[in-house]
Amino acid sequence: MEKIEKDFGKGSIIKLGDKATVNVDAIPTGALSLDVALGIGGVPRGRIIEIYGPESSGKTTLAQHIVAECQKKGGIAAFVDAEHALDPEYARNLGVQVDDLLISQPDTGEQALDITEELVRSGAVDIVVVDSVAALVPKAEIEGSMEDQQMGLQARLMSKALRKLTGIIGKTNTTVIFINQLRMKIGVMYGNPETTTGGNALKYYASVRMEIKRTEGLKGDGEDIGNHVRVRVLKNKVAPPFRTAEFDIIFGKGICKIGNILDVAVNLDIVKKAGSWFSFNEEKLGQGRDKAKEFLAENPDILSTVETLVREKLAAL
């Protein structure tokens, strides 16, 4: 024991009974219902997270909201933009402090993952977002001909990178979020034909896997103003999995936090709903969800009280 600690440092080997129970620290997602579904109030620190879903389902929006919440707590965030598609103005609208955001737009998959590793190893950042796994193109594929058949290059690249990352992520307590895309398996007759890119390594190494899908469009004055999305927590190593959360994403503004707080408050019976009327502490909020949202937006003190009561009730569950 003493020799191992001398060679590898104090704490390199311990008795399981000596280890204090550590509560997993979390970064809020910006959607209260999703914080509830994740079980610990957000995404865990010091873990690998995967967010995947179809195109335009809100993957990057959700990741940027998590970045914004991390920055609000004084954290340093980095964004590895392999897709070269980051919109600074949209990110600013979501609450991201764009001027303080570290951004890299790498040329190859190897470069992207090397930069990610260096950021994590430095311990100087609290969260790194890689957008997206599908855009991590191996150097051999970029330099090769379009006719070349290079099977499994990306899967091997991801497997090697995750093997290296997983150890240092735990030591530096950095959260790494990989955004991924969906593909269809060819020739699948039974079961789900959908799969994610980059091989199977990320499925194993991720502590949390979230699938986000658009369920319906939102309309206002006859025009499309956003999407209603459902997030399923398909894997969770820090709390029970298979929970779902639903919330609205408004075009140009991101997650509708007021509507989300209202929905969770109704589910917890903090805000009463009788017919189409919403009320809180005998005070009428409005007839219909939209009117109730408007009332809460105009009365931030009541909104703050409702949110505090929701979080207190959830903490007691």
C-alpha atoms as a PDB file:
ATOM      1  CA  MET A   1       0.000   0.000   0.000  1.00  0.00           C
ATOM      2  CA  GLU A   2       2.698   2.473   1.035  1.00  0.00           C
ATOM      3  CA  LYS A   3       4.855   1.622  -1.992  1.00  0.00           C
ATOM      4  CA  ILE A   4       1.914   2.113  -4.382  1.00  0.00           C
ATOM      5  CA  GLU A   5       1.072   5.471  -2.786  1.00  0.00           C
ATOM      6  CA  LYS A   6       4.739   6.475  -2.961  1.00  0.00           C
ATOM      7  CA  ASP A   7       5.017   5.510  -6.646  1.00  0.00           C
ATOM      8  CA  PHE A   8       1.642   6.769  -7.874  1.00  0.00           C
ATOM      9  CA  GLY A   9       0.624   9.422  -5.355  1.00  0.00           C
ATOM     10  CA  LYS A  10      -1.616   9.637  -2.294  1.00  0.00           C
ATOM     11  CA  GLY A  11      -5.118   8.323  -2.929  1.00  0.00           C
ATOM     12  CA  SER A  12      -4.080   6.067  -5.833  1.00  0.00           C
ATOM     13  CA  ILE A  13      -5.301   3.082  -3.786  1.00  0.00           C
ATOM     14  CA  ILE A  14      -7.816   3.178  -0.931  1.00  0.00           C
ATOM     15  CA  LYS A  15     -10.175   0.908   0.950  1.00  0.00           C
ATOM     16  CA  LEU A  16     -13.686   1.184  -0.441  1.00  0.00           C
ATOM     17  CA  GLY A  17     -15.057   1.699   3.072  1.00  0.00           C
ATOM     18  CA  ASP A  18     -12.733   4.688   3.616  1.00  0.00           C
ATOM     19  CA  LYS A  19     -14.087   6.628   0.647  1.00  0.00           C
ATOM     20  CA  ALA A  20     -16.503   9.332   1.711  1.00  0.00           C
ATOM     21  CA  THR A  21     -19.831   9.382  -0.087  1.00  0.00           C
ATOM     22  CA  VAL A  22     -19.577  12.147  -2.660  1.00  0.00           C
ATOM     23  CA  ASN A  23     -22.692  13.809  -4.039  1.00  0.00           C
ATOM     24  CA  VAL A  24     -22.351  14.262  -7.792  1.00  0.00           C
ATOM     25  CA  ASP A  25     -22.158  17.959  -8.635  1.00  0.00           C
ATOM     26  CA  ALA A  26     -24.329  19.009 -11.575  1.00  0.00           C
ATOM     27  CA  ILE A  27     -24.650  21.778 -14.155  1.00  0.00           C
ATOM     28  CA  PRO A  28     -28.299  22.792 -14.812  1.00  0.00           C
ATOM     29  CA  THR A  29     -29.577  22.295 -18.359  1.00  0.00           C
ATOM     30  CA  GLY A  30     -31.744  25.408 -18.556  1.00  0.00           C
ATOM     31  CA  ALA A  31     -34.886  23.237 -18.704  1.00  0.00           C
ATOM     32  CA  LEU A  32     -36.296  22.497 -15.237  1.00  0.00           C
ATOM     33  CA  SER A  33     -38.192  19.399 -16.417  1.00  0.00           C
ATOM     34  CA  LEU A  34     -34.946  17.944 -17.832  1.00  0.00           C
ATOM     35  CA  ASP A  35     -33.089  18.704 -14.581  1.00  0.00           C
ATOM     36  CA  VAL A  36     -35.795  16.651 -12.840  1.00  0.00           C
ATOM     37  CA  ALA A  37     -35.517  13.806 -15.382  1.00  0.00           C
ATOM     38  CA  LEU A  38     -31.728  13.653 -14.924  1.00  0.00           C
ATOM     39  CA  GLY A  39     -32.251  13.070 -11.203  1.00  0.00           C
ATOM     40  CA  ILE A  40     -29.423  15.265  -9.873  1.00  0.00           C
ATOM     41  CA  GLY A  41     -30.549  18.688 -11.089  1.00  0.00           C
ATOM     42  CA  GLY A  42     -28.623  18.736 -14.358  1.00  0.00           C
ATOM     43  CA  VAL A  43     -25.763  17.024 -16.183  1.00  0.00           C
ATOM     44  CA  PRO A  44     -23.016  15.597 -13.921  1.00  0.00           C
ATOM     45  CA  ARG A  45     -19.594  17.227 -13.703  1.00  0.00           C
ATOM     46  CA  GLY A  46     -16.543  15.142 -14.540  1.00  0.00           C
ATOM     47  CA  ARG A  47     -18.454  12.865 -16.920  1.00  0.00           C
ATOM     48  CA  ILE A  48     -18.965  12.276 -20.648  1.00  0.00           C
ATOM     49  CA  ILE A  49     -22.418  13.242 -21.951  1.00  0.00           C
ATOM     50  CA  GLU A  50     -23.975  12.412 -25.326  1.00  0.00           C
ATOM     51  CA  ILE A  51     -26.850  14.414 -26.829  1.00  0.00           C
ATOM     52  CA  TYR A  52     -28.232  12.981 -30.055  1.00  0.00           C
ATOM     53  CA  GLY A  53     -31.277  13.245 -32.280  1.00  0.00           C
ATOM     54  CA  PRO A  54     -32.511  14.069 -35.801  1.00  0.00           C
ATOM     55  CA  GLU A  55     -31.626  17.276 -37.638  1.00  0.00           C
ATOM     56  CA  SER A  56     -33.023  20.543 -36.216  1.00  0.00           C
ATOM     57  CA  SER A  57     -34.295  18.847 -33.059  1.00  0.00           C
ATOM     58  CA  GLY A  58     -32.498  21.191 -30.634  1.00  0.00           C
ATOM     59  CA  LYS A  59     -29.239  19.332 -29.862  1.00  0.00           C
ATOM     60  CA  THR A  60     -26.910  22.327 -30.156  1.00  0.00           C
ATOM     61  CA  THR A  61     -29.489  24.607 -28.501  1.00  0.00           C
ATOM     62  CA  LEU A  62     -29.614  22.330 -25.443  1.00  0.00           C
ATOM     63  CA  ALA A  63     -25.800  22.108 -25.300  1.00  0.00           C
ATOM     64  CA  GLN A  64     -25.484  25.909 -25.494  1.00  0.00           C
ATOM     65  CA  HIS A  65     -28.017  26.336 -22.679  1.00  0.00           C
ATOM     66  CA  ILE A  66     -25.867  24.029 -20.515  1.00  0.00           C
ATOM     67  CA  VAL A  67     -22.818  26.163 -21.421  1.00  0.00           C
ATOM     68  CA  ALA A  68     -24.743  29.322 -20.429  1.00  0.00           C
ATOM     69  CA  GLU A  69     -25.736  27.795 -17.062  1.00  0.00           C
ATOM     70  CA  CYS A  70     -22.114  26.773 -16.432  1.00  0.00           C
ATOM     71  CA  GLN A  71     -20.915  30.315 -17.195  1.00  0.00           C
ATOM     72  CA  LYS A  72     -23.544  31.768 -14.824  1.00  0.00           C
ATOM     73  CA  LYS A  73     -21.878  29.777 -12.037  1.00  0.00           C
ATOM     74  CA  GLY A  74     -18.492  31.263 -12.952  1.00  0.00           C
ATOM     75  CA  GLY A  75     -17.312  28.321 -15.059  1.00  0.00           C
ATOM     76  CA  ILE A  76     -15.077  28.440 -18.139  1.00  0.00           C
ATOM     77  CA  ALA A  77     -16.562  26.872 -21.278  1.00  0.00           C
ATOM     78  CA  ALA A  78     -15.021  25.703 -24.563  1.00  0.00           C
ATOM     79  CA  PHE A  79     -16.776  24.862 -27.830  1.00  0.00           C
ATOM     80  CA  VAL A  80     -15.062  22.603 -30.384  1.00  0.00           C
ATOM     81  CA  ASP A  81     -17.000  23.501 -33.529  1.00  0.00           C
ATOM     82  CA  ALA A  82     -16.175  20.660 -35.926  1.00  0.00           C
ATOM     83  CA  GLU A  83     -19.249  21.533 -38.024  1.00  0.00           C
ATOM     84  CA  HIS A  84     -18.036  25.159 -38.435  1.00  0.00           C
ATOM     85  CA  ALA A  85     -21.624  26.273 -37.878  1.00  0.00           C
ATOM     86  CA  LEU A  86     -21.646  28.161 -34.556  1.00  0.00           C
ATOM     87  CA  ASP A  87     -23.850  31.281 -34.671  1.00  0.00           C
ATOM     88  CA  PRO A  88     -22.517  33.771 -32.073  1.00  0.00           C
ATOM     89  CA  GLU A  89     -25.673  35.925 -32.114  1.00  0.00           C
ATOM     90  CA  TYR A  90     -27.956  32.943 -31.489  1.00  0.00           C
ATOM     91  CA  ALA A  91     -25.640  31.729 -28.723  1.00  0.00           C
ATOM     92  CA  ARG A  92     -25.795  35.199 -27.132  1.00  0.00           C
ATOM     93  CA  ASN A  93     -29.617  35.102 -27.255  1.00  0.00           C
ATOM     94  CA  LEU A  94     -29.512  31.816 -25.317  1.00  0.00           C
ATOM     95  CA  GLY A  95     -27.492  33.448 -22.545  1.00  0.00           C
ATOM     96  CA  VAL A  96     -23.995  32.309 -23.574  1.00  0.00           C
ATOM     97  CA  GLN A  97     -21.279  34.835 -22.686  1.00  0.00           C
ATOM     98  CA  VAL A  98     -19.824  34.730 -26.184  1.00  0.00           C
ATOM     99  CA  ASP A  99     -16.882  37.035 -25.399  1.00  0.00           C
ATOM    100  CA  ASP A 100     -15.653  34.593 -22.729  1.00  0.00           C
ATOM    101  CA  LEU A 101     -16.365  31.412 -24.718  1.00  0.00           C
ATOM    102  CA  LEU A 102     -13.293  29.502 -25.935  1.00  0.00           C
ATOM    103  CA  ILE A 103     -13.879  28.279 -29.490  1.00  0.00           C
ATOM    104  CA  SER A 104     -11.928  26.029 -31.835  1.00  0.00           C
ATOM    105  CA  GLN A 105     -12.787  25.153 -35.435  1.00  0.00           C
ATOM    106  CA  PRO A 106     -10.472  22.212 -36.221  1.00  0.00           C
ATOM    107  CA  ASP A 107      -9.672  20.870 -39.695  1.00  0.00           C
ATOM    108  CA  THR A 108      -9.624  17.149 -38.849  1.00  0.00           C
ATOM    109  CA  GLY A 109     -11.138  14.759 -36.325  1.00  0.00           C
ATOM    110  CA  GLU A 110      -7.705  14.050 -34.821  1.00  0.00           C
ATOM    111  CA  GLN A 111      -7.089  17.772 -34.310  1.00  0.00           C
ATOM    112  CA  ALA A 112     -10.522  18.246 -32.689  1.00  0.00           C
ATOM    113  CA  LEU A 113     -10.016  15.394 -30.226  1.00  0.00           C
ATOM    114  CA  ASP A 114      -6.409  16.408 -29.451  1.00  0.00           C
ATOM    115  CA  ILE A 115      -7.630  19.938 -28.622  1.00  0.00           C
ATOM    116  CA  THR A 116     -10.423  18.465 -26.478  1.00  0.00           C
ATOM    117  CA  GLU A 117      -7.882  16.308 -24.625  1.00  0.00           C
ATOM    118  CA  GLU A 118      -5.556  19.279 -24.003  1.00  0.00           C
ATOM    119  CA  LEU A 119      -8.450  21.408 -22.716  1.00  0.00           C
ATOM    120  CA  VAL A 120      -9.542  18.652 -20.321  1.00  0.00           C
ATOM    121  CA  ARG A 121      -5.980  17.841 -19.212  1.00  0.00           C
ATOM    122  CA  SER A 122      -5.270  21.506 -18.427  1.00  0.00           C
ATOM    123  CA  GLY A 123      -8.055  21.586 -15.823  1.00  0.00           C
ATOM    124  CA  ALA A 124      -8.685  25.200 -16.865  1.00  0.00           C
ATOM    125  CA  VAL A 125     -12.163  24.603 -18.308  1.00  0.00           C
ATOM    126  CA  ASP A 126     -15.339  23.333 -16.650  1.00  0.00           C
ATOM    127  CA  ILE A 127     -17.171  22.184 -19.770  1.00  0.00           C
ATOM    128  CA  VAL A 128     -16.216  21.255 -23.341  1.00  0.00           C
ATOM    129  CA  VAL A 129     -18.803  20.787 -26.103  1.00  0.00           C
ATOM    130  CA  VAL A 130     -17.861  18.859 -29.266  1.00  0.00           C
ATOM    131  CA  ASP A 131     -20.269  19.628 -32.127  1.00  0.00           C
ATOM    132  CA  SER A 132     -20.543  17.093 -33.624  1.00  0.00           C
ATOM    133  CA  VAL A 133     -19.209  13.505 -33.682  1.00  0.00           C
ATOM    134  CA  ALA A 134     -20.400  13.094 -37.292  1.00  0.00           C
ATOM    135  CA  ALA A 135     -18.175  16.017 -38.344  1.00  0.00           C
ATOM    136  CA  LEU A 136     -15.009  14.488 -36.813  1.00  0.00           C
ATOM    137  CA  VAL A 137     -13.538  13.388 -40.132  1.00  0.00           C
ATOM    138  CA  PRO A 138     -10.269  11.388 -39.870  1.00  0.00           C
ATOM    139  CA  LYS A 139      -7.236  12.950 -41.565  1.00  0.00           C
ATOM    140  CA  ALA A 140      -6.777   9.877 -43.810  1.00  0.00           C
ATOM    141  CA  GLU A 141     -10.298  10.345 -45.154  1.00  0.00           C
ATOM    142  CA  ILE A 142      -9.781  14.049 -45.858  1.00  0.00           C
ATOM    143  CA  GLU A 143      -6.480  13.454 -47.663  1.00  0.00           C
ATOM    144  CA  GLY A 144      -7.726  10.353 -49.503  1.00  0.00           C
ATOM    145  CA  SER A 145      -9.756  10.088 -52.680  1.00  0.00           C
ATOM    146  CA  MET A 146     -13.572  10.038 -52.749  1.00  0.00           C
ATOM    147  CA  GLU A 147     -13.304   6.527 -54.222  1.00  0.00           C
ATOM    148  CA  ASP A 148     -11.325   5.117 -51.273  1.00  0.00           C
ATOM    149  CA  GLN A 149     -13.202   2.682 -49.024  1.00  0.00           C
ATOM    150  CA  GLN A 150     -11.914   3.327 -45.505  1.00  0.00           C
ATOM    151  CA  MET A 151     -14.040   1.333 -43.110  1.00  0.00           C
ATOM    152  CA  GLY A 152     -14.207   2.058 -39.392  1.00  0.00           C
ATOM    153  CA  LEU A 153     -11.714   4.951 -39.321  1.00  0.00           C
ATOM    154  CA  GLN A 154     -14.002   7.253 -37.353  1.00  0.00           C
ATOM    155  CA  ALA A 155     -15.024   4.486 -34.934  1.00  0.00           C
ATOM    156  CA  ARG A 156     -11.355   3.667 -34.197  1.00  0.00           C
ATOM    157  CA  LEU A 157     -10.580   7.373 -33.772  1.00  0.00           C
ATOM    158  CA  MET A 158     -13.430   7.828 -31.264  1.00  0.00           C
ATOM    159  CA  SER A 159     -12.534   4.645 -29.374  1.00  0.00           C
ATOM    160  CA  LYS A 160      -8.904   5.724 -28.924  1.00  0.00           C
ATOM    161  CA  ALA A 161      -9.832   9.284 -27.924  1.00  0.00           C
ATOM    162  CA  LEU A 162     -12.408   8.174 -25.355  1.00  0.00           C
ATOM    163  CA  ARG A 163      -9.980   5.676 -23.804  1.00  0.00           C
ATOM    164  CA  LYS A 164      -7.554   8.556 -23.234  1.00  0.00           C
ATOM    165  CA  LEU A 165     -10.193  11.070 -22.149  1.00  0.00           C
ATOM    166  CA  THR A 166     -12.160   9.042 -19.623  1.00  0.00           C
ATOM    167  CA  GLY A 167      -9.394   8.917 -16.993  1.00  0.00           C
ATOM    168  CA  ILE A 168      -8.396  12.580 -17.075  1.00  0.00           C
ATOM    169  CA  ILE A 169     -12.002  13.829 -17.181  1.00  0.00           C
ATOM    170  CA  GLY A 170     -12.620  12.337 -13.727  1.00  0.00           C
ATOM    171  CA  LYS A 171      -9.467  13.911 -12.291  1.00  0.00           C
ATOM    172  CA  THR A 172     -10.085  17.434 -13.627  1.00  0.00           C
ATOM    173  CA  ASN A 173     -13.889  17.269 -13.052  1.00  0.00           C
ATOM    174  CA  THR A 174     -14.533  18.567 -16.572  1.00  0.00           C
ATOM    175  CA  THR A 175     -17.835  17.819 -18.284  1.00  0.00           C
ATOM    176  CA  VAL A 176     -17.455  16.827 -21.951  1.00  0.00           C
ATOM    177  CA  ILE A 177     -20.584  16.917 -24.113  1.00  0.00           C
ATOM    178  CA  PHE A 178     -20.570  15.156 -27.477  1.00  0.00           C
ATOM    179  CA  ILE A 179     -23.373  16.128 -29.871  1.00  0.00           C
ATOM    180  CA  ASN A 180     -24.231  13.292 -32.242  1.00  0.00           C
ATOM    181  CA  GLN A 181     -26.453  12.671 -35.255  1.00  0.00           C
ATOM    182  CA  LEU A 182     -28.769   9.822 -36.150  1.00  0.00           C
ATOM    183  CA  ARG A 183     -28.276   7.409 -39.038  1.00  0.00           C
ATOM    184  CA  MET A 184     -30.353   4.490 -40.300  1.00  0.00           C
ATOM    185  CA  LYS A 185     -29.081   0.912 -40.265  1.00  0.00           C
ATOM    186  CA  ILE A 186     -29.530  -0.743 -43.648  1.00  0.00           C
ATOM    187  CA  GLY A 187     -31.627  -3.902 -43.848  1.00  0.00           C
ATOM    188  CA  VAL A 188     -33.102  -3.815 -40.337  1.00  0.00           C
ATOM    189  CA  MET A 189     -36.497  -5.526 -40.492  1.00  0.00           C
ATOM    190  CA  TYR A 190     -37.290  -5.676 -36.764  1.00  0.00           C
ATOM    191  CA  GLY A 191     -36.440  -3.299 -33.948  1.00  0.00           C
ATOM    192  CA  ASN A 192     -35.214   0.279 -34.123  1.00  0.00           C
ATOM    193  CA  PRO A 193     -33.191   0.995 -37.316  1.00  0.00           C
ATOM    194  CA  GLU A 194     -31.799   4.252 -35.879  1.00  0.00           C
ATOM    195  CA  THR A 195     -28.189   4.407 -34.723  1.00  0.00           C
ATOM    196  CA  THR A 196     -25.629   7.097 -33.898  1.00  0.00           C
ATOM    197  CA  THR A 197     -22.404   7.870 -35.773  1.00  0.00           C
ATOM    198  CA  GLY A 198     -18.853   7.179 -34.589  1.00  0.00           C
ATOM    199  CA  GLY A 199     -19.143   3.530 -33.583  1.00  0.00           C
ATOM    200  CA  ASN A 200     -20.136   2.069 -30.219  1.00  0.00           C
ATOM    201  CA  ALA A 201     -17.393   3.478 -27.955  1.00  0.00           C
ATOM    202  CA  LEU A 202     -19.303   6.635 -26.996  1.00  0.00           C
ATOM    203  CA  LYS A 203     -22.323   4.542 -25.945  1.00  0.00           C
ATOM    204  CA  TYR A 204     -20.131   2.754 -23.395  1.00  0.00           C
ATOM    205  CA  TYR A 205     -18.078   5.686 -22.117  1.00  0.00           C
ATOM    206  CA  ALA A 206     -20.958   8.188 -21.778  1.00  0.00           C
ATOM    207  CA  SER A 207     -22.402   8.475 -18.260  1.00  0.00           C
ATOM    208  CA  VAL A 208     -25.536  10.146 -19.628  1.00  0.00           C
ATOM    209  CA  ARG A 209     -27.121   9.693 -23.067  1.00  0.00           C
ATOM    210  CA  MET A 210     -30.014  11.948 -24.046  1.00  0.00           C
ATOM    211  CA  GLU A 211     -32.172  11.554 -27.138  1.00  0.00           C
ATOM    212  CA  ILE A 212     -33.952  14.741 -28.212  1.00  0.00           C
ATOM    213  CA  LYS A 213     -36.800  14.712 -30.739  1.00  0.00           C
ATOM    214  CA  ARG A 214     -39.293  17.269 -32.028  1.00  0.00           C
ATOM    215  CA  THR A 215     -42.869  16.211 -31.266  1.00  0.00           C
ATOM    216  CA  GLU A 216     -44.847  19.123 -32.734  1.00  0.00           C
ATOM    217  CA  GLY A 217     -44.487  22.650 -34.048  1.00  0.00           C
ATOM    218  CA  LEU A 218     -45.559  25.729 -32.092  1.00  0.00           C
ATOM    219  CA  LYS A 219     -47.613  28.404 -33.801  1.00  0.00           C
ATOM    220  CA  GLY A 220     -48.268  32.018 -32.922  1.00  0.00           C
ATOM    221  CA  ASP A 221     -50.466  34.304 -35.012  1.00  0.00           C
ATOM    222  CA  GLY A 222     -50.587  31.616 -37.701  1.00  0.00           C
ATOM    223  CA  GLU A 223     -46.786  31.387 -38.021  1.00  0.00           C
ATOM    224  CA  ASP A 224     -44.302  28.777 -36.801  1.00  0.00           C
ATOM    225  CA  ILE A 225     -42.563  30.171 -33.718  1.00  0.00           C
ATOM    226  CA  GLY A 226     -40.827  27.082 -32.323  1.00  0.00           C
ATOM    227  CA  ASN A 227     -40.885  23.373 -31.544  1.00  0.00           C
ATOM    228  CA  HIS A 228     -42.152  21.256 -28.676  1.00  0.00           C
ATOM    229  CA  VAL A 229     -39.450  18.662 -27.954  1.00  0.00           C
ATOM    230  CA  ARG A 230     -39.185  15.502 -25.880  1.00  0.00           C
ATOM    231  CA  VAL A 231     -35.896  14.400 -24.297  1.00  0.00           C
ATOM    232  CA  ARG A 232     -35.472  10.792 -23.175  1.00  0.00           C
ATOM    233  CA  VAL A 233     -32.631   9.960 -20.789  1.00  0.00           C
ATOM    234  CA  LEU A 234     -31.737   6.566 -22.257  1.00  0.00           C
ATOM    235  CA  LYS A 235     -28.632   6.036 -20.111  1.00  0.00           C
ATOM    236  CA  ASN A 236     -27.825   7.472 -16.704  1.00  0.00           C
ATOM    237  CA  LYS A 237     -25.029   6.244 -14.424  1.00  0.00           C
ATOM    238  CA  VAL A 238     -25.733   8.767 -11.662  1.00  0.00           C
ATOM    239  CA  ALA A 239     -29.534   8.404 -11.290  1.00  0.00           C
ATOM    240  CA  PRO A 240     -32.359   6.162 -12.568  1.00  0.00           C
ATOM    241  CA  PRO A 241     -32.563   6.202 -16.397  1.00  0.00           C
ATOM    242  CA  PHE A 242     -35.484   6.109 -18.866  1.00  0.00           C
ATOM    243  CA  ARG A 243     -37.115   9.307 -17.638  1.00  0.00           C
ATOM    244  CA  THR A 244     -38.508  11.839 -20.102  1.00  0.00           C
ATOM    245  CA  ALA A 245     -38.826  15.615 -20.174  1.00  0.00           C
ATOM    246  CA  GLU A 246     -40.775  17.898 -22.497  1.00  0.00           C
ATOM    247  CA  PHE A 247     -40.316  21.604 -23.138  1.00  0.00           C
ATOM    248  CA  ASP A 248     -40.673  24.292 -25.808  1.00  0.00           C
ATOM    249  CA  ILE A 249     -37.819  25.686 -27.899  1.00  0.00           C
ATOM    250  CA  ILE A 250     -38.649  29.100 -29.370  1.00  0.00           C
ATOM    251  CA  PHE A 251     -36.872  30.071 -32.616  1.00  0.00           C
ATOM    252  CA  GLY A 252     -34.165  32.654 -31.945  1.00  0.00           C
ATOM    253  CA  LYS A 253     -34.679  32.535 -28.157  1.00  0.00           C
ATOM    254  CA  GLY A 254     -34.067  28.925 -27.106  1.00  0.00           C
ATOM    255  CA  ILE A 255     -35.742  26.982 -24.297  1.00  0.00           C
ATOM    256  CA  CYS A 256     -38.911  28.635 -22.944  1.00  0.00           C
ATOM    257  CA  LYS A 257     -37.983  28.589 -19.252  1.00  0.00           C
ATOM    258  CA  ILE A 258     -41.190  30.231 -18.000  1.00  0.00           C
ATOM    259  CA  GLY A 259     -43.422  27.678 -19.747  1.00  0.00           C
ATOM    260  CA  ASN A 260     -41.230  24.868 -18.445  1.00  0.00           C
ATOM    261  CA  ILE A 261     -41.386  26.116 -14.835  1.00  0.00           C
ATOM    262  CA  LEU A 262     -45.183  26.476 -15.151  1.00  0.00           C
ATOM    263  CA  ASP A 263     -45.587  22.907 -16.456  1.00  0.00           C
ATOM    264  CA  VAL A 264     -43.456  21.401 -13.661  1.00  0.00           C
ATOM    265  CA  ALA A 265     -45.258  23.531 -11.028  1.00  0.00           C
ATOM    266  CA  VAL A 266     -48.634  22.238 -12.270  1.00  0.00           C
ATOM    267  CA  ASN A 267     -47.379  18.629 -12.139  1.00  0.00           C
ATOM    268  CA  LEU A 268     -46.231  19.155  -8.535  1.00  0.00           C
ATOM    269  CA  ASP A 269     -49.549  20.855  -7.620  1.00  0.00           C
ATOM    270  CA  ILE A 270     -47.763  24.097  -6.687  1.00  0.00           C
ATOM    271  CA  VAL A 271     -49.707  25.970  -9.363  1.00  0.00           C
ATOM    272  CA  LYS A 272     -53.355  24.906  -9.385  1.00  0.00           C
ATOM    273  CA  LYS A 273     -55.170  24.257 -12.645  1.00  0.00           C
ATOM    274  CA  ALA A 274     -58.978  24.252 -12.696  1.00  0.00           C
ATOM    275  CA  GLY A 275     -60.330  23.822 -16.202  1.00  0.00           C
ATOM    276  CA  SER A 276     -58.306  26.264 -18.266  1.00  0.00           C
ATOM    277  CA  TRP A 277     -57.558  28.629 -15.342  1.00  0.00           C
ATOM    278  CA  PHE A 278     -54.173  28.689 -13.605  1.00  0.00           C
ATOM    279  CA  SER A 279     -53.789  30.030 -10.060  1.00  0.00           C
ATOM    280  CA  PHE A 280     -51.055  30.336  -7.424  1.00  0.00           C
ATOM    281  CA  ASN A 281     -51.805  31.043  -3.746  1.00  0.00           C
ATOM    282  CA  GLU A 282     -55.400  32.041  -4.603  1.00  0.00           C
ATOM    283  CA  GLU A 283     -54.113  34.523  -7.207  1.00  0.00           C
ATOM    284  CA  LYS A 284     -55.319  33.985 -10.757  1.00  0.00           C
ATOM    285  CA  LEU A 285     -52.448  33.704 -13.261  1.00  0.00           C
ATOM    286  CA  GLY A 286     -54.657  33.628 -16.336  1.00  0.00           C
ATOM    287  CA  GLN A 287     -56.975  31.577 -18.492  1.00  0.00           C
ATOM    288  CA  GLY A 288     -54.949  29.251 -20.702  1.00  0.00           C
ATOM    289  CA  ARG A 289     -51.248  28.390 -20.614  1.00  0.00           C
ATOM    290  CA  ASP A 290     -50.182  31.340 -22.791  1.00  0.00           C
ATOM    291  CA  LYS A 291     -51.935  33.890 -20.538  1.00  0.00           C
ATOM    292  CA  ALA A 292     -50.403  32.283 -17.437  1.00  0.00           C
ATOM    293  CA  LYS A 293     -46.944  32.489 -19.063  1.00  0.00           C
ATOM    294  CA  GLU A 294     -47.502  36.179 -19.880  1.00  0.00           C
ATOM    295  CA  PHE A 295     -48.512  36.882 -16.271  1.00  0.00           C
ATOM    296  CA  LEU A 296     -45.384  35.167 -14.898  1.00  0.00           C
ATOM    297  CA  ALA A 297     -43.183  37.028 -17.412  1.00  0.00           C
ATOM    298  CA  GLU A 298     -44.661  40.342 -16.208  1.00  0.00           C
ATOM    299  CA  ASN A 299     -44.304  39.353 -12.531  1.00  0.00           C
ATOM    300  CA  PRO A 300     -40.744  38.034 -12.037  1.00  0.00           C
ATOM    301  CA  ASP A 301     -41.144  37.983  -8.219  1.00  0.00           C
ATOM    302  CA  ILE A 302     -44.000  35.462  -8.441  1.00  0.00           C
ATOM    303  CA  LEU A 303     -42.055  33.459 -11.057  1.00  0.00           C
ATOM    304  CA  SER A 304     -39.023  33.342  -8.752  1.00  0.00           C
ATOM    305  CA  THR A 305     -41.212  32.210  -5.822  1.00  0.00           C
ATOM    306  CA  VAL A 306     -42.789  29.446  -7.927  1.00  0.00           C
ATOM    307  CA  GLU A 307     -39.370  28.250  -9.142  1.00  0.00           C
ATOM    308  CA  THR A 308     -37.965  28.235  -5.584  1.00  0.00           C
ATOM    309  CA  LEU A 309     -40.940  26.205  -4.321  1.00  0.00           C
ATOM    310  CA  VAL A 310     -40.542  23.751  -7.217  1.00  0.00           C
ATOM    311  CA  ARG A 311     -36.831  23.210  -6.488  1.00  0.00           C
ATOM    312  CA  GLU A 312     -37.476  22.837  -2.736  1.00  0.00           C
ATOM    313  CA  LYS A 313     -40.215  20.265  -3.339  1.00  0.00           C
ATOM    314  CA  LEU A 314     -38.023  18.340  -5.792  1.00  0.00           C
ATOM    315  CA  ALA A 315     -35.106  18.328  -3.334  1.00  0.00           C
ATOM    316  CA  ALA A 316     -37.391  16.817  -0.691  1.00  0.00           C
ATOM    317  CA  LEU A 317     -38.573  13.979  -2.954  1.00  0.00           C
END
